[in-house]
C-alpha atoms as a PDB file:
ATOM      1  CA  MET A   1       9.982  43.809  60.300  1.00  0.00           C
ATOM      2  CA  PHE A   2      12.121  40.743  59.736  1.00  0.00           C
ATOM      3  CA  GLY A   3      15.060  41.347  57.465  1.00  0.00           C
ATOM      4  CA  ALA A   4      16.305  38.913  54.881  1.00  0.00           C
ATOM      5  CA  TYR A   5      19.392  38.103  56.981  1.00  0.00           C
ATOM      6  CA  GLY A   6      18.218  39.229  60.420  1.00  0.00           C
ATOM      7  CA  PRO A   7      15.796  37.616  62.854  1.00  0.00           C
ATOM      8  CA  THR A   8      14.379  35.402  60.126  1.00  0.00           C
ATOM      9  CA  THR A   9      17.748  33.650  59.759  1.00  0.00           C
ATOM     10  CA  ARG A  10      18.054  33.161  63.525  1.00  0.00           C
ATOM     11  CA  CYS A  11      14.519  31.829  63.724  1.00  0.00           C
ATOM     12  CA  SER A  12      15.217  29.409  60.876  1.00  0.00           C
ATOM     13  CA  GLY A  13      18.337  28.194  62.641  1.00  0.00           C
ATOM     14  CA  ARG A  14      16.393  27.479  65.818  1.00  0.00           C
ATOM     15  CA  PHE A  15      13.677  25.783  63.789  1.00  0.00           C
ATOM     16  CA  LEU A  16      16.196  23.540  62.039  1.00  0.00           C
ATOM     17  CA  LEU A  17      17.800  22.630  65.355  1.00  0.00           C
ATOM     18  CA  ALA A  18      14.420  21.737  66.842  1.00  0.00           C
ATOM     19  CA  LEU A  19      13.562  19.745  63.732  1.00  0.00           C
ATOM     20  CA  SER A  20      16.820  17.793  63.919  1.00  0.00           C
ATOM     21  CA  VAL A  21      16.253  16.996  67.604  1.00  0.00           C
ATOM     22  CA  PHE A  22      12.691  15.893  66.850  1.00  0.00           C
ATOM     23  CA  GLY A  23      13.908  13.710  63.976  1.00  0.00           C
ATOM     24  CA  ALA A  24      16.515  12.099  66.205  1.00  0.00           C
ATOM     25  CA  ALA A  25      13.823  11.345  68.768  1.00  0.00           C
ATOM     26  CA  LEU A  26      11.723   9.684  66.096  1.00  0.00           C
ATOM     27  CA  LEU A  27      14.550   7.347  65.160  1.00  0.00           C
ATOM     28  CA  ALA A  28      15.985   6.654  68.612  1.00  0.00           C
ATOM     29  CA  PRO A  29      14.929   3.291  70.048  1.00  0.00           C
ATOM     30  CA  GLY A  30      13.993   3.054  73.700  1.00  0.00           C
ATOM     31  CA  ARG A  31      12.084   0.893  76.114  1.00  0.00           C
ATOM     32  CA  ALA A  32       8.683   2.430  76.790  1.00  0.00           C
ATOM     33  CA  ASP A  33       7.844   3.601  80.295  1.00  0.00           C
ATOM     34  CA  ALA A  34       4.491   2.261  81.427  1.00  0.00           C
ATOM     35  CA  GLU A  35       1.861   4.437  83.068  1.00  0.00           C
ATOM     36  CA  CYS A  36       0.012   1.976  85.303  1.00  0.00           C
ATOM     37  CA  SER A  37      -2.890   1.958  87.715  1.00  0.00           C
ATOM     38  CA  THR A  38      -4.179  -0.863  89.939  1.00  0.00           C
ATOM     39  CA  ASP A  39      -7.787  -1.923  90.439  1.00  0.00           C
ATOM     40  CA  ALA A  40      -9.451  -3.191  93.625  1.00  0.00           C
ATOM     41  CA  ALA A  41      -8.877  -6.825  92.639  1.00  0.00           C
ATOM     42  CA  GLY A  42      -5.140  -6.292  92.272  1.00  0.00           C
ATOM     43  CA  GLY A  43      -5.109  -6.203  88.480  1.00  0.00           C
ATOM     44  CA  SER A  44      -3.286  -3.550  86.481  1.00  0.00           C
ATOM     45  CA  TRP A  45      -4.043  -1.218  83.568  1.00  0.00           C
ATOM     46  CA  CYS A  46      -0.937   0.083  81.770  1.00  0.00           C
ATOM     47  CA  LEU A  47      -0.436   2.512  78.890  1.00  0.00           C
ATOM     48  CA  PHE A  48       2.706   2.750  76.736  1.00  0.00           C
ATOM     49  CA  ARG A  49       2.247   6.047  74.927  1.00  0.00           C
ATOM     50  CA  SER A  50       3.599   6.866  71.465  1.00  0.00           C
ATOM     51  CA  ILE A  51       4.672  10.339  70.351  1.00  0.00           C
ATOM     52  CA  VAL A  52       1.361  10.636  68.495  1.00  0.00           C
ATOM     53  CA  PRO A  53      -1.245  12.071  70.896  1.00  0.00           C
ATOM     54  CA  SER A  54      -3.840   9.671  72.333  1.00  0.00           C
ATOM     55  CA  SER A  55      -2.295   6.554  70.824  1.00  0.00           C
ATOM     56  CA  GLY A  56      -0.076   3.710  71.920  1.00  0.00           C
ATOM     57  CA  ILE A  57      -0.107   0.258  73.494  1.00  0.00           C
ATOM     58  CA  VAL A  58      -2.409  -0.829  76.324  1.00  0.00           C
ATOM     59  CA  ALA A  59      -2.182  -3.845  78.654  1.00  0.00           C
ATOM     60  CA  SER A  60      -4.960  -4.979  80.993  1.00  0.00           C
ATOM     61  CA  CYS A  61      -3.669  -7.684  83.353  1.00  0.00           C
ATOM     62  CA  ARG A  62      -5.287  -9.787  86.074  1.00  0.00           C
ATOM     63  CA  THR A  63      -1.881 -11.276  86.908  1.00  0.00           C
ATOM     64  CA  ASP A  64       1.610 -11.154  85.395  1.00  0.00           C
ATOM     65  CA  ARG A  65       0.668 -14.133  83.186  1.00  0.00           C
ATOM     66  CA  ASP A  66      -2.935 -13.231  82.349  1.00  0.00           C
ATOM     67  CA  CYS A  67      -3.226 -10.099  80.221  1.00  0.00           C
ATOM     68  CA  ARG A  68      -5.046  -8.616  77.280  1.00  0.00           C
ATOM     69  CA  VAL A  69      -2.761  -6.447  75.141  1.00  0.00           C
ATOM     70  CA  GLY A  70      -3.630  -4.172  72.238  1.00  0.00           C
ATOM     71  CA  TYR A  71      -3.262  -0.739  70.689  1.00  0.00           C
ATOM     72  CA  TYR A  72      -5.493   2.290  71.050  1.00  0.00           C
ATOM     73  CA  TYR A  73      -6.471   5.571  69.403  1.00  0.00           C
ATOM     74  CA  GLY A  74      -8.440   7.973  71.546  1.00  0.00           C
ATOM     75  CA  ASP A  75      -9.804   6.591  74.818  1.00  0.00           C
ATOM     76  CA  PRO A  76      -7.959   3.321  75.568  1.00  0.00           C
ATOM     77  CA  ALA A  77     -10.811   2.128  77.780  1.00  0.00           C
ATOM     78  CA  SER A  78     -13.264   2.124  74.880  1.00  0.00           C
ATOM     79  CA  ALA A  79     -11.139   2.225  71.709  1.00  0.00           C
ATOM     80  CA  ALA A  80      -8.583  -0.547  72.327  1.00  0.00           C
ATOM     81  CA  VAL A  81      -7.998  -3.080  69.538  1.00  0.00           C
ATOM     82  CA  TRP A  82      -6.837  -6.264  71.238  1.00  0.00           C
ATOM     83  CA  PHE A  83      -4.138  -8.477  69.736  1.00  0.00           C
ATOM     84  CA  SER A  84      -5.136 -11.961  68.623  1.00  0.00           C
ATOM     85  CA  LEU A  85      -3.418 -14.644  70.690  1.00  0.00           C
ATOM     86  CA  PRO A  86      -0.787 -16.897  69.108  1.00  0.00           C
ATOM     87  CA  GLN A  87      -1.991 -20.415  68.443  1.00  0.00           C
ATOM     88  CA  GLY A  88      -2.136 -22.444  71.629  1.00  0.00           C
ATOM     89  CA  TRP A  89      -2.049 -19.438  73.979  1.00  0.00           C
ATOM     90  CA  SER A  90      -4.903 -18.692  76.404  1.00  0.00           C
ATOM     91  CA  ALA A  91      -3.593 -15.278  77.536  1.00  0.00           C
ATOM     92  CA  PHE A  92      -0.615 -12.960  77.188  1.00  0.00           C
ATOM     93  CA  PRO A  93       2.007 -12.421  79.875  1.00  0.00           C
ATOM     94  CA  LYS A  94       2.928  -8.831  80.690  1.00  0.00           C
ATOM     95  CA  PRO A  95       4.522  -7.221  77.614  1.00  0.00           C
ATOM     96  CA  ASP A  96       7.926  -5.642  77.127  1.00  0.00           C
ATOM     97  CA  VAL A  97       7.285  -2.600  74.893  1.00  0.00           C
ATOM     98  CA  THR A  98      10.024  -0.824  72.959  1.00  0.00           C
ATOM     99  CA  TRP A  99       9.556   2.150  70.660  1.00  0.00           C
ATOM    100  CA  ILE A 100      12.031   1.185  67.941  1.00  0.00           C
ATOM    101  CA  ALA A 101      11.219   4.495  66.284  1.00  0.00           C
ATOM    102  CA  GLY A 102       8.855   7.219  67.418  1.00  0.00           C
ATOM    103  CA  THR A 103       5.851   5.601  65.752  1.00  0.00           C
ATOM    104  CA  LEU A 104       6.950   1.949  65.558  1.00  0.00           C
ATOM    105  CA  ALA A 105       6.561  -0.305  68.580  1.00  0.00           C
ATOM    106  CA  GLN A 106       7.834  -3.802  69.262  1.00  0.00           C
ATOM    107  CA  VAL A 107       5.642  -5.579  71.811  1.00  0.00           C
ATOM    108  CA  ARG A 108       7.566  -8.593  73.033  1.00  0.00           C
ATOM    109  CA  PHE A 109       6.376 -11.497  75.162  1.00  0.00           C
ATOM    110  CA  ASP A 110       8.646 -14.016  76.867  1.00  0.00           C
ATOM    111  CA  CYS A 111       7.277 -17.538  76.806  1.00  0.00           C
ATOM    112  CA  GLY A 112      10.101 -19.523  78.418  1.00  0.00           C
ATOM    113  CA  TRP A 113      13.648 -19.882  77.125  1.00  0.00           C
ATOM    114  CA  PRO A 114      14.297 -19.658  74.236  1.00  0.00           C
ATOM    115  CA  CYS A 115      10.749 -18.753  73.239  1.00  0.00           C
ATOM    116  CA  SER A 116       9.689 -15.178  72.554  1.00  0.00           C
ATOM    117  CA  VAL A 117       6.893 -13.701  70.453  1.00  0.00           C
ATOM    118  CA  SER A 118       6.784 -10.117  69.156  1.00  0.00           C
ATOM    119  CA  TYR A 119       4.091  -7.978  67.557  1.00  0.00           C
ATOM    120  CA  PHE A 120       4.933  -4.784  65.671  1.00  0.00           C
ATOM    121  CA  PHE A 121       2.618  -1.787  65.554  1.00  0.00           C
ATOM    122  CA  GLU A 122       3.040   1.245  63.280  1.00  0.00           C
ATOM    123  CA  VAL A 123       1.041   4.136  64.702  1.00  0.00           C
ATOM    124  CA  ARG A 124       0.443   6.453  61.754  1.00  0.00           C
ATOM    125  CA  ARG A 125      -0.852   3.765  59.391  1.00  0.00           C
ATOM    126  CA  ARG A 126      -2.373   1.675  62.187  1.00  0.00           C
ATOM    127  CA  ARG A 127      -0.592  -1.438  60.954  1.00  0.00           C
ATOM    128  CA  LEU A 128      -0.216  -4.445  63.226  1.00  0.00           C
ATOM    129  CA  SER A 129       1.906  -7.479  62.413  1.00  0.00           C
ATOM    130  CA  GLY A 130       1.039 -11.023  63.245  1.00  0.00           C
ATOM    131  CA  PRO A 131       2.998 -12.805  65.983  1.00  0.00           C
ATOM    132  CA  ARG A 132       6.689 -13.121  65.047  1.00  0.00           C
ATOM    133  CA  LYS A 133       8.760 -15.714  66.892  1.00  0.00           C
ATOM    134  CA  SER A 134      12.398 -15.447  68.000  1.00  0.00           C
ATOM    135  CA  VAL A 135      13.150 -11.992  66.577  1.00  0.00           C
ATOM    136  CA  LEU A 136      16.856 -11.162  66.925  1.00  0.00           C
ATOM    137  CA  ALA A 137      17.179  -7.884  64.952  1.00  0.00           C
ATOM    138  CA  VAL A 138      14.915  -5.235  63.442  1.00  0.00           C
ATOM    139  CA  ASP A 139      15.425  -2.907  60.465  1.00  0.00           C
ATOM    140  CA  ALA A 140      12.987  -0.103  61.349  1.00  0.00           C
ATOM    141  CA  ARG A 141      13.678   1.819  58.124  1.00  0.00           C
ATOM    142  CA  ARG A 142      12.966  -1.038  55.720  1.00  0.00           C
ATOM    143  CA  LEU A 143      10.578  -2.876  58.064  1.00  0.00           C
ATOM    144  CA  LEU A 144      12.490  -6.154  58.083  1.00  0.00           C
ATOM    145  CA  LEU A 145      13.050  -8.735  60.819  1.00  0.00           C
ATOM    146  CA  ALA A 146      15.858 -11.254  61.359  1.00  0.00           C
ATOM    147  CA  MET A 147      14.534 -14.281  63.205  1.00  0.00           C
ATOM    148  CA  VAL A 148      15.425 -17.878  63.987  1.00  0.00           C
ATOM    149  CA  GLU A 149      13.385 -20.597  62.286  1.00  0.00           C
ATOM    150  CA  ASP A 150      14.408 -24.186  62.905  1.00  0.00           C
ATOM    151  CA  ARG A 151      18.103 -24.369  61.883  1.00  0.00           C
ATOM    152  CA  ALA A 152      18.149 -21.164  59.816  1.00  0.00           C
ATOM    153  CA  LEU A 153      18.373 -17.408  60.263  1.00  0.00           C
ATOM    154  CA  VAL A 154      15.544 -15.916  58.214  1.00  0.00           C
ATOM    155  CA  VAL A 155      14.808 -12.317  57.210  1.00  0.00           C
ATOM    156  CA  ARG A 156      11.136 -11.502  56.692  1.00  0.00           C
ATOM    157  CA  GLN A 157       9.071  -8.445  55.932  1.00  0.00           C
ATOM    158  CA  MET A 158       7.708  -7.131  59.201  1.00  0.00           C
ATOM    159  CA  PHE A 159       4.027  -6.820  58.362  1.00  0.00           C
ATOM    160  CA  SER A 160       3.428  -9.274  55.515  1.00  0.00           C
ATOM    161  CA  GLY A 161       5.674 -11.974  56.982  1.00  0.00           C
ATOM    162  CA  ARG A 162       7.032 -12.804  53.526  1.00  0.00           C
ATOM    163  CA  GLU A 163      10.479 -14.341  53.423  1.00  0.00           C
ATOM    164  CA  VAL A 164      13.242 -12.118  52.016  1.00  0.00           C
ATOM    165  CA  THR A 165      16.281 -14.311  52.533  1.00  0.00           C
ATOM    166  CA  ARG A 166      17.273 -17.490  54.378  1.00  0.00           C
ATOM    167  CA  ILE A 167      20.734 -18.032  55.857  1.00  0.00           C
ATOM    168  CA  GLU A 168      21.980 -21.507  56.711  1.00  0.00           C
ATOM    169  CA  ARG A 169      25.428 -22.157  58.151  1.00  0.00           C
ATOM    170  CA  ASP A 170      27.391 -24.854  59.945  1.00  0.00           C
ATOM    171  CA  TRP A 171      26.215 -23.490  63.291  1.00  0.00           C
ATOM    172  CA  ALA A 172      27.856 -24.738  66.479  1.00  0.00           C
ATOM    173  CA  PRO A 173      25.823 -27.574  68.019  1.00  0.00           C
ATOM    174  CA  SER A 174      23.068 -26.234  70.271  1.00  0.00           C
ATOM    175  CA  ALA A 175      19.415 -26.827  71.008  1.00  0.00           C
ATOM    176  CA  TRP A 176      18.566 -23.443  69.498  1.00  0.00           C
ATOM    177  CA  VAL A 177      20.382 -21.741  66.610  1.00  0.00           C
ATOM    178  CA  GLY A 178      20.113 -18.404  68.416  1.00  0.00           C
ATOM    179  CA  ASP A 179      22.683 -19.627  70.931  1.00  0.00           C
ATOM    180  CA  ALA A 180      25.258 -19.811  68.125  1.00  0.00           C
ATOM    181  CA  ILE A 181      24.640 -16.188  67.054  1.00  0.00           C
ATOM    182  CA  THR A 182      26.568 -13.931  69.415  1.00  0.00           C
ATOM    183  CA  GLN A 183      25.939 -10.559  67.722  1.00  0.00           C
ATOM    184  CA  ILE A 184      23.464  -9.382  65.110  1.00  0.00           C
ATOM    185  CA  ARG A 185      22.215  -6.044  63.768  1.00  0.00           C
ATOM    186  CA  PHE A 186      21.015  -4.291  60.645  1.00  0.00           C
ATOM    187  CA  ASP A 187      23.505  -1.619  59.604  1.00  0.00           C
ATOM    188  CA  PRO A 188      22.384   1.775  58.226  1.00  0.00           C
ATOM    189  CA  ASP A 189      23.368   0.676  54.709  1.00  0.00           C
ATOM    190  CA  GLY A 190      20.822  -2.161  54.916  1.00  0.00           C
ATOM    191  CA  ARG A 191      23.317  -4.979  55.380  1.00  0.00           C
ATOM    192  CA  LEU A 192      22.846  -7.612  58.034  1.00  0.00           C
ATOM    193  CA  ALA A 193      25.944  -7.913  60.232  1.00  0.00           C
ATOM    194  CA  PHE A 194      26.227 -10.940  62.477  1.00  0.00           C
ATOM    195  CA  THR A 195      28.820 -13.033  64.307  1.00  0.00           C
ATOM    196  CA  TRP A 196      28.190 -16.719  64.741  1.00  0.00           C
ATOM    197  CA  LEU A 197      29.969 -19.725  66.220  1.00  0.00           C
ATOM    198  CA  GLY A 198      30.741 -22.468  63.721  1.00  0.00           C
ATOM    199  CA  GLY A 199      31.176 -26.210  64.015  1.00  0.00           C
ATOM    200  CA  ALA A 200      32.181 -28.276  66.977  1.00  0.00           C
ATOM    201  CA  ASP A 201      35.140 -25.991  67.745  1.00  0.00           C
ATOM    202  CA  ARG A 202      32.774 -22.970  67.973  1.00  0.00           C
ATOM    203  CA  ALA A 203      35.091 -20.747  65.934  1.00  0.00           C
ATOM    204  CA  PRO A 204      33.638 -17.207  65.601  1.00  0.00           C
ATOM    205  CA  VAL A 205      32.798 -15.988  62.078  1.00  0.00           C
ATOM    206  CA  THR A 206      31.675 -12.439  61.250  1.00  0.00           C
ATOM    207  CA  GLU A 207      29.674 -11.619  58.110  1.00  0.00           C
ATOM    208  CA  ARG A 208      27.976  -8.608  56.541  1.00  0.00           C
ATOM    209  CA  LEU A 209      25.384  -9.592  53.946  1.00  0.00           C
ATOM    210  CA  SER A 210      23.327  -7.482  51.577  1.00  0.00           C
ATOM    211  CA  VAL A 211      19.630  -8.064  52.210  1.00  0.00           C
ATOM    212  CA  PRO A 212      16.938  -7.181  49.673  1.00  0.00           C
ATOM    213  CA  THR A 213      13.688  -5.541  50.699  1.00  0.00           C
ATOM    214  CA  VAL A 214      11.349  -7.442  48.391  1.00  0.00           C
ATOM    215  CA  ALA A 215      10.254 -10.994  49.113  1.00  0.00           C
ATOM    216  CA  ARG A 216      11.709 -13.878  47.150  1.00  0.00           C
END
């Protein structure tokens, strides 16, 4: 039998260690490895699997610039839910998929400097965001995005798209505000930390701002 302080304690210790490793894996971001096959016409079929069995991101591409991209539960060949294209697009290019957390994917598409469009997919609740342009930083815990819009840095809720805060500064002159932002991240305490170049002399300025979760 298991004693109160014998094998049961050792088993619990191993269980807690395994649980901590699993939890770290859930939170650790990483670019997804694609599992791809090629058809007779030279097209490709790629899966980016999540940690949840039989679910993830799927891309079906005729060429590098002509793809359908979606998410799947079960058989990806028959159960894929394809993303709606951004306005003015006729097809997706090949995606860059990152698992920001174990069940939260960022599916990013390059559309020519400085253009990029990202979709966010949460596996367990089967939530898919709309297309989000020019995303610079992601808060996976609070589901917030920092993104460039015109001459401002804007934080929005990931799935609803509602604006949380808008940051306007005397950015250094550039065609795109993102060029004036040299570093940006969400810290664990929820603050947005960023370094930007200001004015014509491009002097670096570092800030850490508190960011609410609720929309304005």
